[in-house]
Each structure stands twice: as C-alpha cells, then as structure tokens.
Amino acid sequence: MLPWRQMLCASQRHFSIAPPQFWSLSVLEWRCLHHPQSGYADRSALGALMAQFPDQQEQV
C-alpha cells in the first residue's frame, strides 16, 4: 500500500500544496515534483496533454 499520509504531508510541507490540489495531481505530476531528476515528459506525452486540455478560444 502507498504511504498516502506521508505523501500528503510532504506535498504540504515542501510545496504548499493543499489537500484538494494533492488529490488532483496525476502520477506524472507527483513524480516530477518529488523526483525532478527522473526526467521530463517527452513529445508524445506533451501531445497527449495538449489533446486532453486544449487552449480555450474566447468568443468575441
């Protein structure tokens, strides 16, 4: 089982992340915060995020 309590406490202590934001983090976001040496998202991961969360165009 994952140490959720320790993970939540570490997020609050080191990054000032409130519980609602903690629970909305993806696994990739969690890893990037706590293991920055593990690298970054590649182009395909960026493309997937861009498709999932497209920029919103304002209606004029």
N, C-alpha and C. Protein backbone atom coordinates (compact mmCIF):
# COMPACT_ATOMS: atom_id res chain seq x y z
N MET A 1 0.84 -1.18 0.00
CA MET A 1 0.00 0.00 0.00
C MET A 1 0.89 1.25 0.00
N LEU A 2 0.45 2.26 -0.70
CA LEU A 2 1.23 3.51 -0.78
C LEU A 2 1.11 4.31 0.51
N PRO A 3 2.16 5.02 0.88
CA PRO A 3 2.15 5.84 2.10
C PRO A 3 1.46 7.19 1.87
N TRP A 4 0.15 7.17 1.68
CA TRP A 4 -0.59 8.37 1.32
C TRP A 4 -0.39 9.50 2.33
N ARG A 5 -0.43 9.15 3.60
CA ARG A 5 -0.29 10.19 4.63
C ARG A 5 1.05 10.91 4.51
N GLN A 6 2.13 10.15 4.33
CA GLN A 6 3.45 10.77 4.20
C GLN A 6 3.54 11.59 2.91
N MET A 7 2.93 11.09 1.84
CA MET A 7 2.97 11.81 0.57
C MET A 7 2.21 13.13 0.69
N LEU A 8 1.05 13.11 1.33
CA LEU A 8 0.26 14.32 1.51
C LEU A 8 1.01 15.32 2.38
N CYS A 9 1.59 14.85 3.48
CA CYS A 9 2.34 15.74 4.37
C CYS A 9 3.55 16.36 3.65
N ALA A 10 4.26 15.56 2.87
CA ALA A 10 5.42 16.07 2.14
C ALA A 10 4.99 17.13 1.13
N SER A 11 3.87 16.92 0.46
CA SER A 11 3.39 17.90 -0.51
C SER A 11 3.03 19.21 0.16
N GLN A 12 2.42 19.13 1.32
CA GLN A 12 2.06 20.35 2.04
C GLN A 12 3.31 21.05 2.58
N ARG A 13 4.22 20.28 3.14
CA ARG A 13 5.40 20.85 3.78
C ARG A 13 6.36 21.48 2.77
N HIS A 14 6.64 20.77 1.69
CA HIS A 14 7.68 21.21 0.75
C HIS A 14 7.16 22.09 -0.39
N PHE A 15 5.89 21.91 -0.75
CA PHE A 15 5.38 22.62 -1.93
C PHE A 15 4.13 23.45 -1.65
N SER A 16 3.66 23.47 -0.40
CA SER A 16 2.45 24.21 -0.01
C SER A 16 1.24 23.81 -0.86
N ILE A 17 1.15 22.53 -1.15
CA ILE A 17 0.02 22.02 -1.94
C ILE A 17 -1.08 21.60 -0.97
N ALA A 18 -2.25 22.21 -1.11
CA ALA A 18 -3.40 21.90 -0.26
C ALA A 18 -3.95 20.52 -0.62
N PRO A 19 -4.65 19.87 0.31
CA PRO A 19 -5.18 18.53 0.03
C PRO A 19 -5.99 18.42 -1.26
N PRO A 20 -6.91 19.37 -1.58
CA PRO A 20 -7.64 19.21 -2.85
C PRO A 20 -6.73 19.18 -4.08
N GLN A 21 -5.68 20.01 -4.06
CA GLN A 21 -4.74 20.00 -5.19
C GLN A 21 -3.91 18.72 -5.19
N PHE A 22 -3.55 18.25 -4.01
CA PHE A 22 -2.80 16.99 -3.91
C PHE A 22 -3.57 15.86 -4.57
N TRP A 23 -4.85 15.74 -4.24
CA TRP A 23 -5.64 14.62 -4.76
C TRP A 23 -5.93 14.77 -6.25
N SER A 24 -5.75 15.97 -6.80
CA SER A 24 -5.97 16.13 -8.24
C SER A 24 -4.68 15.96 -9.05
N LEU A 25 -3.53 15.78 -8.38
CA LEU A 25 -2.27 15.55 -9.09
C LEU A 25 -2.30 14.22 -9.83
N SER A 26 -1.74 14.20 -11.02
CA SER A 26 -1.55 12.93 -11.71
C SER A 26 -0.28 12.27 -11.16
N VAL A 27 -0.12 11.01 -11.46
CA VAL A 27 1.09 10.30 -11.03
C VAL A 27 2.32 10.98 -11.63
N LEU A 28 2.24 11.38 -12.88
CA LEU A 28 3.37 12.05 -13.53
C LEU A 28 3.70 13.36 -12.81
N GLU A 29 2.68 14.15 -12.46
CA GLU A 29 2.93 15.40 -11.75
C GLU A 29 3.58 15.13 -10.39
N TRP A 30 3.10 14.12 -9.69
CA TRP A 30 3.68 13.75 -8.39
C TRP A 30 5.15 13.39 -8.55
N ARG A 31 5.45 12.56 -9.53
CA ARG A 31 6.83 12.14 -9.74
C ARG A 31 7.72 13.32 -10.11
N CYS A 32 7.22 14.23 -10.92
CA CYS A 32 8.02 15.40 -11.30
C CYS A 32 8.30 16.30 -10.10
N LEU A 33 7.33 16.43 -9.20
CA LEU A 33 7.55 17.24 -8.00
C LEU A 33 8.56 16.62 -7.06
N HIS A 34 8.43 15.33 -6.84
CA HIS A 34 9.23 14.68 -5.81
C HIS A 34 10.49 13.99 -6.32
N HIS A 35 10.58 13.82 -7.61
CA HIS A 35 11.76 13.18 -8.20
C HIS A 35 12.15 13.93 -9.47
N PRO A 36 12.55 15.21 -9.34
CA PRO A 36 12.85 16.00 -10.54
C PRO A 36 13.97 15.42 -11.39
N GLN A 37 14.84 14.61 -10.81
CA GLN A 37 15.93 14.01 -11.57
C GLN A 37 15.43 12.89 -12.49
N SER A 38 14.16 12.50 -12.35
CA SER A 38 13.65 11.39 -13.17
C SER A 38 13.38 11.80 -14.61
N GLY A 39 13.53 13.07 -14.92
CA GLY A 39 13.38 13.48 -16.31
C GLY A 39 12.11 14.29 -16.53
N TYR A 40 11.72 14.37 -17.77
CA TYR A 40 10.60 15.20 -18.15
C TYR A 40 9.73 14.42 -19.13
N ALA A 41 8.58 14.98 -19.43
CA ALA A 41 7.67 14.35 -20.38
C ALA A 41 8.24 14.48 -21.79
N ASP A 42 8.08 13.45 -22.58
CA ASP A 42 8.55 13.51 -23.96
C ASP A 42 7.48 14.14 -24.86
N ARG A 43 7.78 14.24 -26.14
CA ARG A 43 6.88 14.92 -27.07
C ARG A 43 5.51 14.24 -27.15
N SER A 44 5.47 12.93 -27.12
CA SER A 44 4.18 12.23 -27.20
C SER A 44 3.34 12.51 -25.95
N ALA A 45 3.98 12.60 -24.78
CA ALA A 45 3.24 12.92 -23.55
C ALA A 45 2.70 14.34 -23.61
N LEU A 46 3.50 15.26 -24.14
CA LEU A 46 3.04 16.64 -24.30
C LEU A 46 1.86 16.69 -25.26
N GLY A 47 1.94 15.97 -26.37
CA GLY A 47 0.84 15.93 -27.33
C GLY A 47 -0.44 15.40 -26.71
N ALA A 48 -0.31 14.37 -25.88
CA ALA A 48 -1.47 13.80 -25.21
C ALA A 48 -2.10 14.82 -24.25
N LEU A 49 -1.27 15.54 -23.51
CA LEU A 49 -1.79 16.57 -22.61
C LEU A 49 -2.46 17.70 -23.38
N MET A 50 -1.86 18.10 -24.50
CA MET A 50 -2.44 19.17 -25.30
C MET A 50 -3.79 18.75 -25.88
N ALA A 51 -3.91 17.49 -26.26
CA ALA A 51 -5.18 16.99 -26.79
C ALA A 51 -6.23 16.91 -25.68
N GLN A 52 -5.80 16.52 -24.50
CA GLN A 52 -6.72 16.38 -23.37
C GLN A 52 -7.17 17.74 -22.84
N PHE A 53 -6.27 18.73 -22.88
CA PHE A 53 -6.57 20.05 -22.33
C PHE A 53 -6.26 21.13 -23.36
N PRO A 54 -7.08 21.24 -24.41
CA PRO A 54 -6.80 22.24 -25.45
C PRO A 54 -7.00 23.66 -24.92
N ASP A 55 -6.28 24.60 -25.53
CA ASP A 55 -6.46 26.00 -25.18
C ASP A 55 -7.88 26.42 -25.52
N GLN A 56 -8.44 27.24 -24.67
CA GLN A 56 -9.80 27.73 -24.90
C GLN A 56 -9.73 29.02 -25.72
N GLN A 57 -10.53 29.09 -26.76
CA GLN A 57 -10.62 30.30 -27.57
C GLN A 57 -11.77 31.14 -27.04
N GLU A 58 -11.51 32.44 -26.83
CA GLU A 58 -12.56 33.33 -26.37
C GLU A 58 -13.49 33.67 -27.52
N GLN A 59 -14.79 33.68 -27.23
CA GLN A 59 -15.78 34.08 -28.21
C GLN A 59 -15.89 35.61 -28.18
N VAL A 60 -15.72 36.24 -29.35
CA VAL A 60 -15.78 37.70 -29.42
C VAL A 60 -17.06 38.12 -30.08
